[in-house]
Amino acid sequence: MLFHAVLDIQLHPGIADPQGSTIERALPTLGFDGMSNVRSGKSIHLDIEAHDAGAAEAQLHEVCEKFLTNPVIEGASITMVEAATVQAG
């Protein structure tokens, strides 16, 4: 089966996020008030072929742990859907 996955990689709570802090400080000067606790991260979109959703998710967790994140300071959340349910656009 083919799955489309989005990996959302964020710093762990309590880890300094200079980029998020810079964005948070800039928002009011651009006219965007009332926003706080800004955290930045990265989003990786990919397709993965696997026998089932469990196998795909296990492989994605492994690639995050071994390659895409620094597990000491970052964590990843995975959102997955069958590729057939993803609409083009």
PDB file of N, CA and C in Angstrom:
ATOM      1  N   MET A   1       0.839  -1.178   0.000  1.00  0.00           N
ATOM      2  CA  MET A   1       0.000   0.000   0.000  1.00  0.00           C
ATOM      3  C   MET A   1       0.888   1.247   0.000  1.00  0.00           C
ATOM      4  N   LEU A   2       0.369   2.292  -0.604  1.00  0.00           N
ATOM      5  CA  LEU A   2       1.093   3.553  -0.651  1.00  0.00           C
ATOM      6  C   LEU A   2       0.440   4.534   0.313  1.00  0.00           C
ATOM      7  N   PHE A   3       1.270   5.169   1.141  1.00  0.00           N
ATOM      8  CA  PHE A   3       0.793   6.143   2.121  1.00  0.00           C
ATOM      9  C   PHE A   3       1.483   7.474   1.887  1.00  0.00           C
ATOM     10  N   HIS A   4       0.758   8.549   2.154  1.00  0.00           N
ATOM     11  CA  HIS A   4       1.349   9.881   2.160  1.00  0.00           C
ATOM     12  C   HIS A   4       1.531  10.259   3.629  1.00  0.00           C
ATOM     13  N   ALA A   5       2.711  10.746   3.973  1.00  0.00           N
ATOM     14  CA  ALA A   5       3.000  11.077   5.367  1.00  0.00           C
ATOM     15  C   ALA A   5       3.522  12.504   5.475  1.00  0.00           C
ATOM     16  N   VAL A   6       3.169  13.127   6.594  1.00  0.00           N
ATOM     17  CA  VAL A   6       3.715  14.432   6.947  1.00  0.00           C
ATOM     18  C   VAL A   6       4.411  14.269   8.291  1.00  0.00           C
ATOM     19  N   LEU A   7       5.687  14.582   8.332  1.00  0.00           N
ATOM     20  CA  LEU A   7       6.481  14.508   9.555  1.00  0.00           C
ATOM     21  C   LEU A   7       6.660  15.932  10.065  1.00  0.00           C
ATOM     22  N   ASP A   8       6.152  16.198  11.256  1.00  0.00           N
ATOM     23  CA  ASP A   8       6.251  17.523  11.866  1.00  0.00           C
ATOM     24  C   ASP A   8       7.320  17.434  12.950  1.00  0.00           C
ATOM     25  N   ILE A   9       8.445  18.109  12.729  1.00  0.00           N
ATOM     26  CA  ILE A   9       9.586  18.021  13.639  1.00  0.00           C
ATOM     27  C   ILE A   9       9.687  19.319  14.424  1.00  0.00           C
ATOM     28  N   GLN A  10       9.665  19.200  15.744  1.00  0.00           N
ATOM     29  CA  GLN A  10       9.680  20.355  16.643  1.00  0.00           C
ATOM     30  C   GLN A  10      10.716  20.142  17.740  1.00  0.00           C
ATOM     31  N   LEU A  11      11.219  21.246  18.267  1.00  0.00           N
ATOM     32  CA  LEU A  11      12.081  21.169  19.448  1.00  0.00           C
ATOM     33  C   LEU A  11      11.236  20.739  20.644  1.00  0.00           C
ATOM     34  N   HIS A  12      11.831  19.990  21.548  1.00  0.00           N
ATOM     35  CA  HIS A  12      11.134  19.600  22.775  1.00  0.00           C
ATOM     36  C   HIS A  12      10.800  20.840  23.595  1.00  0.00           C
ATOM     37  N   PRO A  13       9.710  20.796  24.361  1.00  0.00           N
ATOM     38  CA  PRO A  13       9.412  21.910  25.272  1.00  0.00           C
ATOM     39  C   PRO A  13      10.601  22.170  26.193  1.00  0.00           C
ATOM     40  N   GLY A  14      10.876  23.435  26.432  1.00  0.00           N
ATOM     41  CA  GLY A  14      11.994  23.803  27.297  1.00  0.00           C
ATOM     42  C   GLY A  14      13.300  24.031  26.561  1.00  0.00           C
ATOM     43  N   ILE A  15      13.379  23.607  25.301  1.00  0.00           N
ATOM     44  CA  ILE A  15      14.576  23.848  24.496  1.00  0.00           C
ATOM     45  C   ILE A  15      14.416  25.224  23.842  1.00  0.00           C
ATOM     46  N   ALA A  16      15.431  26.069  23.955  1.00  0.00           N
ATOM     47  CA  ALA A  16      15.373  27.422  23.383  1.00  0.00           C
ATOM     48  C   ALA A  16      15.118  27.348  21.879  1.00  0.00           C
ATOM     49  N   ASP A  17      14.233  28.224  21.411  1.00  0.00           N
ATOM     50  CA  ASP A  17      13.868  28.285  20.002  1.00  0.00           C
ATOM     51  C   ASP A  17      14.074  29.717  19.508  1.00  0.00           C
ATOM     52  N   PRO A  18      15.317  30.084  19.157  1.00  0.00           N
ATOM     53  CA  PRO A  18      15.603  31.461  18.744  1.00  0.00           C
ATOM     54  C   PRO A  18      14.779  31.908  17.537  1.00  0.00           C
ATOM     55  N   GLN A  19      14.551  31.029  16.585  1.00  0.00           N
ATOM     56  CA  GLN A  19      13.774  31.401  15.409  1.00  0.00           C
ATOM     57  C   GLN A  19      12.324  31.700  15.805  1.00  0.00           C
ATOM     58  N   GLY A  20      11.741  30.862  16.656  1.00  0.00           N
ATOM     59  CA  GLY A  20      10.390  31.108  17.134  1.00  0.00           C
ATOM     60  C   GLY A  20      10.296  32.411  17.910  1.00  0.00           C
ATOM     61  N   SER A  21      11.293  32.698  18.730  1.00  0.00           N
ATOM     62  CA  SER A  21      11.320  33.948  19.509  1.00  0.00           C
ATOM     63  C   SER A  21      11.394  35.163  18.594  1.00  0.00           C
ATOM     64  N   THR A  22      12.209  35.083  17.542  1.00  0.00           N
ATOM     65  CA  THR A  22      12.321  36.183  16.593  1.00  0.00           C
ATOM     66  C   THR A  22      10.991  36.421  15.889  1.00  0.00           C
ATOM     67  N   ILE A  23      10.336  35.366  15.470  1.00  0.00           N
ATOM     68  CA  ILE A  23       9.023  35.487  14.827  1.00  0.00           C
ATOM     69  C   ILE A  23       8.026  36.120  15.788  1.00  0.00           C
ATOM     70  N   GLU A  24       8.015  35.649  17.043  1.00  0.00           N
ATOM     71  CA  GLU A  24       7.075  36.171  18.044  1.00  0.00           C
ATOM     72  C   GLU A  24       7.283  37.664  18.277  1.00  0.00           C
ATOM     73  N   ARG A  25       8.532  38.101  18.342  1.00  0.00           N
ATOM     74  CA  ARG A  25       8.811  39.526  18.545  1.00  0.00           C
ATOM     75  C   ARG A  25       8.410  40.368  17.334  1.00  0.00           C
ATOM     76  N   ALA A  26       8.499  39.802  16.138  1.00  0.00           N
ATOM     77  CA  ALA A  26       8.188  40.547  14.921  1.00  0.00           C
ATOM     78  C   ALA A  26       6.689  40.670  14.661  1.00  0.00           C
ATOM     79  N   LEU A  27       5.904  39.744  15.117  1.00  0.00           N
ATOM     80  CA  LEU A  27       4.475  39.745  14.802  1.00  0.00           C
ATOM     81  C   LEU A  27       3.758  41.051  15.150  1.00  0.00           C
ATOM     82  N   PRO A  28       3.902  41.585  16.380  1.00  0.00           N
ATOM     83  CA  PRO A  28       3.187  42.831  16.691  1.00  0.00           C
ATOM     84  C   PRO A  28       3.617  44.008  15.820  1.00  0.00           C
ATOM     85  N   THR A  29       4.891  44.055  15.432  1.00  0.00           N
ATOM     86  CA  THR A  29       5.345  45.165  14.591  1.00  0.00           C
ATOM     87  C   THR A  29       4.750  45.084  13.190  1.00  0.00           C
ATOM     88  N   LEU A  30       4.278  43.904  12.810  1.00  0.00           N
ATOM     89  CA  LEU A  30       3.647  43.720  11.504  1.00  0.00           C
ATOM     90  C   LEU A  30       2.120  43.808  11.594  1.00  0.00           C
ATOM     91  N   GLY A  31       1.627  44.137  12.793  1.00  0.00           N
ATOM     92  CA  GLY A  31       0.187  44.293  12.967  1.00  0.00           C
ATOM     93  C   GLY A  31      -0.547  43.040  13.375  1.00  0.00           C
ATOM     94  N   PHE A  32       0.175  42.004  13.784  1.00  0.00           N
ATOM     95  CA  PHE A  32      -0.442  40.751  14.210  1.00  0.00           C
ATOM     96  C   PHE A  32      -0.335  40.632  15.721  1.00  0.00           C
ATOM     97  N   ASP A  33      -1.380  41.053  16.425  1.00  0.00           N
ATOM     98  CA  ASP A  33      -1.376  41.035  17.885  1.00  0.00           C
ATOM     99  C   ASP A  33      -2.028  39.759  18.414  1.00  0.00           C
ATOM    100  N   GLY A  34      -1.750  39.479  19.688  1.00  0.00           N
ATOM    101  CA  GLY A  34      -2.411  38.375  20.371  1.00  0.00           C
ATOM    102  C   GLY A  34      -1.827  37.003  20.092  1.00  0.00           C
ATOM    103  N   MET A  35      -0.655  36.932  19.487  1.00  0.00           N
ATOM    104  CA  MET A  35      -0.028  35.630  19.219  1.00  0.00           C
ATOM    105  C   MET A  35       1.156  35.448  20.161  1.00  0.00           C
ATOM    106  N   SER A  36       1.254  34.269  20.752  1.00  0.00           N
ATOM    107  CA  SER A  36       2.342  34.011  21.696  1.00  0.00           C
ATOM    108  C   SER A  36       2.752  32.542  21.636  1.00  0.00           C
ATOM    109  N   ASN A  37       3.801  32.223  22.378  1.00  0.00           N
ATOM    110  CA  ASN A  37       4.331  30.851  22.434  1.00  0.00           C
ATOM    111  C   ASN A  37       4.651  30.305  21.044  1.00  0.00           C
ATOM    112  N   VAL A  38       5.273  31.131  20.218  1.00  0.00           N
ATOM    113  CA  VAL A  38       5.614  30.735  18.852  1.00  0.00           C
ATOM    114  C   VAL A  38       6.786  29.753  18.895  1.00  0.00           C
ATOM    115  N   ARG A  39       6.625  28.638  18.231  1.00  0.00           N
ATOM    116  CA  ARG A  39       7.678  27.633  18.091  1.00  0.00           C
ATOM    117  C   ARG A  39       7.835  27.351  16.605  1.00  0.00           C
ATOM    118  N   SER A  40       9.061  27.284  16.135  1.00  0.00           N
ATOM    119  CA  SER A  40       9.287  26.955  14.735  1.00  0.00           C
ATOM    120  C   SER A  40       9.741  25.502  14.636  1.00  0.00           C
ATOM    121  N   GLY A  41       9.655  24.967  13.459  1.00  0.00           N
ATOM    122  CA  GLY A  41      10.065  23.585  13.231  1.00  0.00           C
ATOM    123  C   GLY A  41      10.190  23.342  11.744  1.00  0.00           C
ATOM    124  N   LYS A  42      10.125  22.078  11.378  1.00  0.00           N
ATOM    125  CA  LYS A  42      10.169  21.751   9.954  1.00  0.00           C
ATOM    126  C   LYS A  42       9.133  20.677   9.661  1.00  0.00           C
ATOM    127  N   SER A  43       8.670  20.690   8.442  1.00  0.00           N
ATOM    128  CA  SER A  43       7.661  19.749   7.992  1.00  0.00           C
ATOM    129  C   SER A  43       8.203  19.026   6.767  1.00  0.00           C
ATOM    130  N   ILE A  44       8.153  17.707   6.801  1.00  0.00           N
ATOM    131  CA  ILE A  44       8.641  16.900   5.686  1.00  0.00           C
ATOM    132  C   ILE A  44       7.476  16.065   5.172  1.00  0.00           C
ATOM    133  N   HIS A  45       7.196  16.182   3.878  1.00  0.00           N
ATOM    134  CA  HIS A  45       6.119  15.424   3.237  1.00  0.00           C
ATOM    135  C   HIS A  45       6.763  14.344   2.376  1.00  0.00           C
ATOM    136  N   LEU A  46       6.232  13.127   2.442  1.00  0.00           N
ATOM    137  CA  LEU A  46       6.779  12.047   1.629  1.00  0.00           C
ATOM    138  C   LEU A  46       5.736  10.967   1.411  1.00  0.00           C
ATOM    139  N   ASP A  47       5.994  10.113   0.422  1.00  0.00           N
ATOM    140  CA  ASP A  47       5.183   8.927   0.185  1.00  0.00           C
ATOM    141  C   ASP A  47       6.004   7.721   0.595  1.00  0.00           C
ATOM    142  N   ILE A  48       5.327   6.729   1.160  1.00  0.00           N
ATOM    143  CA  ILE A  48       6.011   5.512   1.625  1.00  0.00           C
ATOM    144  C   ILE A  48       5.182   4.296   1.238  1.00  0.00           C
ATOM    145  N   GLU A  49       5.853   3.299   0.727  1.00  0.00           N
ATOM    146  CA  GLU A  49       5.228   2.033   0.359  1.00  0.00           C
ATOM    147  C   GLU A  49       5.451   1.054   1.509  1.00  0.00           C
ATOM    148  N   ALA A  50       4.369   0.442   1.995  1.00  0.00           N
ATOM    149  CA  ALA A  50       4.470  -0.526   3.095  1.00  0.00           C
ATOM    150  C   ALA A  50       3.277  -1.481   3.022  1.00  0.00           C
ATOM    151  N   HIS A  51       3.395  -2.611   3.739  1.00  0.00           N
ATOM    152  CA  HIS A  51       2.318  -3.608   3.740  1.00  0.00           C
ATOM    153  C   HIS A  51       1.047  -3.075   4.393  1.00  0.00           C
ATOM    154  N   ASP A  52       1.220  -2.263   5.436  1.00  0.00           N
ATOM    155  CA  ASP A  52       0.060  -1.698   6.129  1.00  0.00           C
ATOM    156  C   ASP A  52       0.484  -0.426   6.864  1.00  0.00           C
ATOM    157  N   ALA A  53      -0.491   0.252   7.457  1.00  0.00           N
ATOM    158  CA  ALA A  53      -0.217   1.528   8.132  1.00  0.00           C
ATOM    159  C   ALA A  53       0.745   1.351   9.301  1.00  0.00           C
ATOM    160  N   GLY A  54       0.630   0.266  10.033  1.00  0.00           N
ATOM    161  CA  GLY A  54       1.514   0.022  11.170  1.00  0.00           C
ATOM    162  C   GLY A  54       2.965  -0.103  10.752  1.00  0.00           C
ATOM    163  N   ALA A  55       3.205  -0.841   9.661  1.00  0.00           N
ATOM    164  CA  ALA A  55       4.575  -1.004   9.162  1.00  0.00           C
ATOM    165  C   ALA A  55       5.126   0.326   8.656  1.00  0.00           C
ATOM    166  N   ALA A  56       4.293   1.107   7.975  1.00  0.00           N
ATOM    167  CA  ALA A  56       4.731   2.413   7.476  1.00  0.00           C
ATOM    168  C   ALA A  56       5.085   3.326   8.637  1.00  0.00           C
ATOM    169  N   GLU A  57       4.225   3.364   9.645  1.00  0.00           N
ATOM    170  CA  GLU A  57       4.472   4.236  10.795  1.00  0.00           C
ATOM    171  C   GLU A  57       5.729   3.825  11.547  1.00  0.00           C
ATOM    172  N   ALA A  58       5.949   2.533  11.705  1.00  0.00           N
ATOM    173  CA  ALA A  58       7.161   2.060  12.386  1.00  0.00           C
ATOM    174  C   ALA A  58       8.415   2.486  11.630  1.00  0.00           C
ATOM    175  N   GLN A  59       8.373   2.371  10.308  1.00  0.00           N
ATOM    176  CA  GLN A  59       9.537   2.761   9.513  1.00  0.00           C
ATOM    177  C   GLN A  59       9.763   4.272   9.594  1.00  0.00           C
ATOM    178  N   LEU A  60       8.683   5.054   9.592  1.00  0.00           N
ATOM    179  CA  LEU A  60       8.813   6.509   9.691  1.00  0.00           C
ATOM    180  C   LEU A  60       9.375   6.923  11.051  1.00  0.00           C
ATOM    181  N   HIS A  61       8.931   6.258  12.121  1.00  0.00           N
ATOM    182  CA  HIS A  61       9.496   6.554  13.443  1.00  0.00           C
ATOM    183  C   HIS A  61      10.993   6.261  13.464  1.00  0.00           C
ATOM    184  N   GLU A  62      11.383   5.167  12.832  1.00  0.00           N
ATOM    185  CA  GLU A  62      12.804   4.805  12.802  1.00  0.00           C
ATOM    186  C   GLU A  62      13.630   5.828  12.016  1.00  0.00           C
ATOM    187  N   VAL A  63      13.125   6.272  10.861  1.00  0.00           N
ATOM    188  CA  VAL A  63      13.877   7.247  10.064  1.00  0.00           C
ATOM    189  C   VAL A  63      13.968   8.584  10.802  1.00  0.00           C
ATOM    190  N   CYS A  64      12.921   8.942  11.546  1.00  0.00           N
ATOM    191  CA  CYS A  64      12.976  10.169  12.338  1.00  0.00           C
ATOM    192  C   CYS A  64      14.037  10.060  13.424  1.00  0.00           C
ATOM    193  N   GLU A  65      14.046   8.934  14.117  1.00  0.00           N
ATOM    194  CA  GLU A  65      14.977   8.739  15.231  1.00  0.00           C
ATOM    195  C   GLU A  65      16.427   8.650  14.766  1.00  0.00           C
ATOM    196  N   LYS A  66      16.659   7.983  13.629  1.00  0.00           N
ATOM    197  CA  LYS A  66      18.030   7.739  13.184  1.00  0.00           C
ATOM    198  C   LYS A  66      18.582   8.790  12.233  1.00  0.00           C
ATOM    199  N   PHE A  67      17.692   9.594  11.597  1.00  0.00           N
ATOM    200  CA  PHE A  67      18.180  10.452  10.532  1.00  0.00           C
ATOM    201  C   PHE A  67      17.627  11.878  10.543  1.00  0.00           C
ATOM    202  N   LEU A  68      16.329  12.027  10.727  1.00  0.00           N
ATOM    203  CA  LEU A  68      15.712  13.345  10.537  1.00  0.00           C
ATOM    204  C   LEU A  68      15.668  14.220  11.782  1.00  0.00           C
ATOM    205  N   THR A  69      15.830  13.662  12.952  1.00  0.00           N
ATOM    206  CA  THR A  69      15.785  14.460  14.181  1.00  0.00           C
ATOM    207  C   THR A  69      17.012  14.197  15.037  1.00  0.00           C
ATOM    208  N   ASN A  70      17.242  15.121  15.946  1.00  0.00           N
ATOM    209  CA  ASN A  70      18.186  14.900  17.035  1.00  0.00           C
ATOM    210  C   ASN A  70      17.300  14.560  18.232  1.00  0.00           C
ATOM    211  N   PRO A  71      17.154  13.290  18.580  1.00  0.00           N
ATOM    212  CA  PRO A  71      16.208  12.881  19.616  1.00  0.00           C
ATOM    213  C   PRO A  71      16.445  13.523  20.981  1.00  0.00           C
ATOM    214  N   VAL A  72      17.630  14.068  21.213  1.00  0.00           N
ATOM    215  CA  VAL A  72      17.913  14.724  22.485  1.00  0.00           C
ATOM    216  C   VAL A  72      17.133  16.029  22.602  1.00  0.00           C
ATOM    217  N   ILE A  73      16.986  16.754  21.475  1.00  0.00           N
ATOM    218  CA  ILE A  73      16.331  18.063  21.538  1.00  0.00           C
ATOM    219  C   ILE A  73      15.064  18.172  20.690  1.00  0.00           C
ATOM    220  N   GLU A  74      14.794  17.182  19.825  1.00  0.00           N
ATOM    221  CA  GLU A  74      13.654  17.266  18.914  1.00  0.00           C
ATOM    222  C   GLU A  74      12.766  16.034  19.009  1.00  0.00           C
ATOM    223  N   GLY A  75      11.519  16.237  18.656  1.00  0.00           N
ATOM    224  CA  GLY A  75      10.575  15.135  18.535  1.00  0.00           C
ATOM    225  C   GLY A  75       9.820  15.291  17.228  1.00  0.00           C
ATOM    226  N   ALA A  76       9.193  14.206  16.784  1.00  0.00           N
ATOM    227  CA  ALA A  76       8.446  14.243  15.534  1.00  0.00           C
ATOM    228  C   ALA A  76       7.067  13.653  15.742  1.00  0.00           C
ATOM    229  N   SER A  77       6.094  14.284  15.115  1.00  0.00           N
ATOM    230  CA  SER A  77       4.766  13.683  15.050  1.00  0.00           C
ATOM    231  C   SER A  77       4.524  13.302  13.597  1.00  0.00           C
ATOM    232  N   ILE A  78       3.807  12.207  13.409  1.00  0.00           N
ATOM    233  CA  ILE A  78       3.587  11.659  12.075  1.00  0.00           C
ATOM    234  C   ILE A  78       2.092  11.635  11.795  1.00  0.00           C
ATOM    235  N   THR A  79       1.721  12.187  10.647  1.00  0.00           N
ATOM    236  CA  THR A  79       0.354  12.103  10.162  1.00  0.00           C
ATOM    237  C   THR A  79       0.408  11.356   8.843  1.00  0.00           C
ATOM    238  N   MET A  80      -0.440  10.327   8.724  1.00  0.00           N
ATOM    239  CA  MET A  80      -0.392   9.469   7.550  1.00  0.00           C
ATOM    240  C   MET A  80      -1.797   9.222   7.007  1.00  0.00           C
ATOM    241  N   VAL A  81      -1.909   9.174   5.681  1.00  0.00           N
ATOM    242  CA  VAL A  81      -3.157   8.772   5.025  1.00  0.00           C
ATOM    243  C   VAL A  81      -2.797   7.887   3.843  1.00  0.00           C
ATOM    244  N   GLU A  82      -3.721   7.025   3.458  1.00  0.00           N
ATOM    245  CA  GLU A  82      -3.485   6.225   2.258  1.00  0.00           C
ATOM    246  C   GLU A  82      -3.381   7.173   1.084  1.00  0.00           C
ATOM    247  N   ALA A  83      -2.416   6.947   0.209  1.00  0.00           N
ATOM    248  CA  ALA A  83      -2.172   7.858  -0.911  1.00  0.00           C
ATOM    249  C   ALA A  83      -3.392   7.984  -1.816  1.00  0.00           C
ATOM    250  N   ALA A  84      -4.208   6.945  -1.911  1.00  0.00           N
ATOM    251  CA  ALA A  84      -5.401   6.995  -2.765  1.00  0.00           C
ATOM    252  C   ALA A  84      -6.407   8.020  -2.249  1.00  0.00           C
ATOM    253  N   THR A  85      -6.345   8.353  -0.947  1.00  0.00           N
ATOM    254  CA  THR A  85      -7.300   9.319  -0.390  1.00  0.00           C
ATOM    255  C   THR A  85      -6.793  10.738  -0.487  1.00  0.00           C
ATOM    256  N   VAL A  86      -5.533  10.932  -0.926  1.00  0.00           N
ATOM    257  CA  VAL A  86      -4.974  12.277  -1.076  1.00  0.00           C
ATOM    258  C   VAL A  86      -5.410  12.820  -2.428  1.00  0.00           C
ATOM    259  N   GLN A  87      -6.016  13.990  -2.416  1.00  0.00           N
ATOM    260  CA  GLN A  87      -6.462  14.608  -3.665  1.00  0.00           C
ATOM    261  C   GLN A  87      -5.336  15.419  -4.271  1.00  0.00           C
ATOM    262  N   ALA A  88      -5.229  15.382  -5.568  1.00  0.00           N
ATOM    263  CA  ALA A  88      -4.227  16.194  -6.253  1.00  0.00           C
ATOM    264  C   ALA A  88      -4.597  17.660  -6.154  1.00  0.00           C
ATOM    265  N   GLY A  89      -3.578  18.509  -6.122  1.00  0.00           N
ATOM    266  CA  GLY A  89      -3.885  19.924  -6.075  1.00  0.00           C
ATOM    267  C   GLY A  89      -2.863  20.653  -5.418  1.00  0.00           C
TER     268      GLY A  89
END
